[in-house]
Amino acid sequence: MKSIPTKRINQTLSSAHNDVRIAHILNKYREKVLITTSFGTTSALLIHMISRIRQNHPIYFINTGYLFPETLEYKD
């Protein structure tokens, strides 16, 4: 499997808005993109942007065993 040319993409999209960058990556590389989240407050915006661009793109959650019950409720 070929790797994603992150350096070139960063140079090409350096002045683009975040949603344009995310859309480019998700649309061009689709199944190669693995997204993980803690479902914390700082993750909410990224999750929202991804869901607007590719509604069915999987977002993976790893329960570390150190999360608050509220975080577990939020991710469900």
Protein backbone atom coordinates (compact mmCIF):
# COMPACT_ATOMS: atom_id res chain seq x y z
CA MET A 1 0.00 0.00 0.00
CA LYS A 2 1.33 3.43 -0.94
CA SER A 3 1.58 6.00 1.81
CA ILE A 4 -0.23 9.31 1.72
CA PRO A 5 2.14 12.12 0.61
CA THR A 6 1.50 14.32 3.65
CA LYS A 7 4.35 16.77 3.00
CA ARG A 8 3.09 17.54 -0.52
CA ILE A 9 -0.52 17.81 0.65
CA ASN A 10 0.47 20.19 3.45
CA GLN A 11 2.34 22.40 0.96
CA THR A 12 -0.53 22.37 -1.55
CA LEU A 13 -3.26 23.08 0.99
CA SER A 14 -1.32 25.32 3.38
CA SER A 15 -3.62 28.30 2.84
CA ALA A 16 -6.86 26.29 2.58
CA HIS A 17 -9.52 26.33 5.28
CA ASN A 18 -9.66 23.28 7.55
CA ASP A 19 -12.84 21.88 6.01
CA VAL A 20 -11.24 22.04 2.53
CA ARG A 21 -8.22 20.13 3.82
CA ILE A 22 -10.37 17.49 5.48
CA ALA A 23 -12.57 17.12 2.39
CA HIS A 24 -9.51 16.68 0.16
CA ILE A 25 -8.06 13.93 2.36
CA LEU A 26 -11.35 12.09 2.92
CA ASN A 27 -12.42 12.24 -0.72
CA LYS A 28 -9.07 11.37 -2.26
CA TYR A 29 -7.82 8.72 0.15
CA ARG A 30 -11.13 7.38 1.56
CA GLU A 31 -10.39 3.94 3.06
CA LYS A 32 -6.76 4.81 3.82
CA VAL A 33 -7.85 7.40 6.37
CA LEU A 34 -8.19 6.12 9.93
CA ILE A 35 -9.77 8.60 12.32
CA THR A 36 -9.62 8.13 16.07
CA THR A 37 -11.01 10.31 18.81
CA SER A 38 -11.29 10.57 22.56
CA PHE A 39 -14.74 12.13 22.11
CA GLY A 40 -13.60 14.92 24.40
CA THR A 41 -14.53 18.58 24.04
CA THR A 42 -11.65 19.36 21.68
CA SER A 43 -12.67 16.47 19.42
CA ALA A 44 -16.23 17.69 18.90
CA LEU A 45 -15.41 20.17 16.13
CA LEU A 46 -13.35 17.67 14.15
CA ILE A 47 -16.05 15.01 14.45
CA HIS A 48 -18.65 17.54 13.28
CA MET A 49 -16.57 18.59 10.27
CA ILE A 50 -15.89 15.00 9.24
CA SER A 51 -19.55 14.02 9.54
CA ARG A 52 -20.57 16.93 7.28
CA ILE A 53 -18.03 15.97 4.62
CA ARG A 54 -18.36 12.16 4.65
CA GLN A 55 -21.29 11.19 6.80
CA ASN A 56 -20.52 7.46 6.90
CA HIS A 57 -16.76 7.63 7.41
CA PRO A 58 -15.92 5.49 10.45
CA ILE A 59 -14.50 7.14 13.55
CA TYR A 60 -12.83 4.74 15.95
CA PHE A 61 -12.95 4.99 19.72
CA ILE A 62 -10.56 3.27 22.08
CA ASN A 63 -11.73 3.01 25.67
CA THR A 64 -8.62 3.50 27.77
CA GLY A 65 -10.46 2.80 31.01
CA TYR A 66 -9.67 6.30 32.29
CA LEU A 67 -12.62 8.18 30.81
CA PHE A 68 -15.40 9.91 32.68
CA PRO A 69 -18.86 8.27 32.48
CA GLU A 70 -20.09 11.42 30.70
CA THR A 71 -17.57 10.86 27.91
CA LEU A 72 -18.79 7.31 27.41
CA GLU A 73 -22.40 8.58 27.25
CA TYR A 74 -21.41 11.28 24.76
CA LYS A 75 -19.72 8.86 22.36
CA ASP A 76 -22.82 6.64 22.30
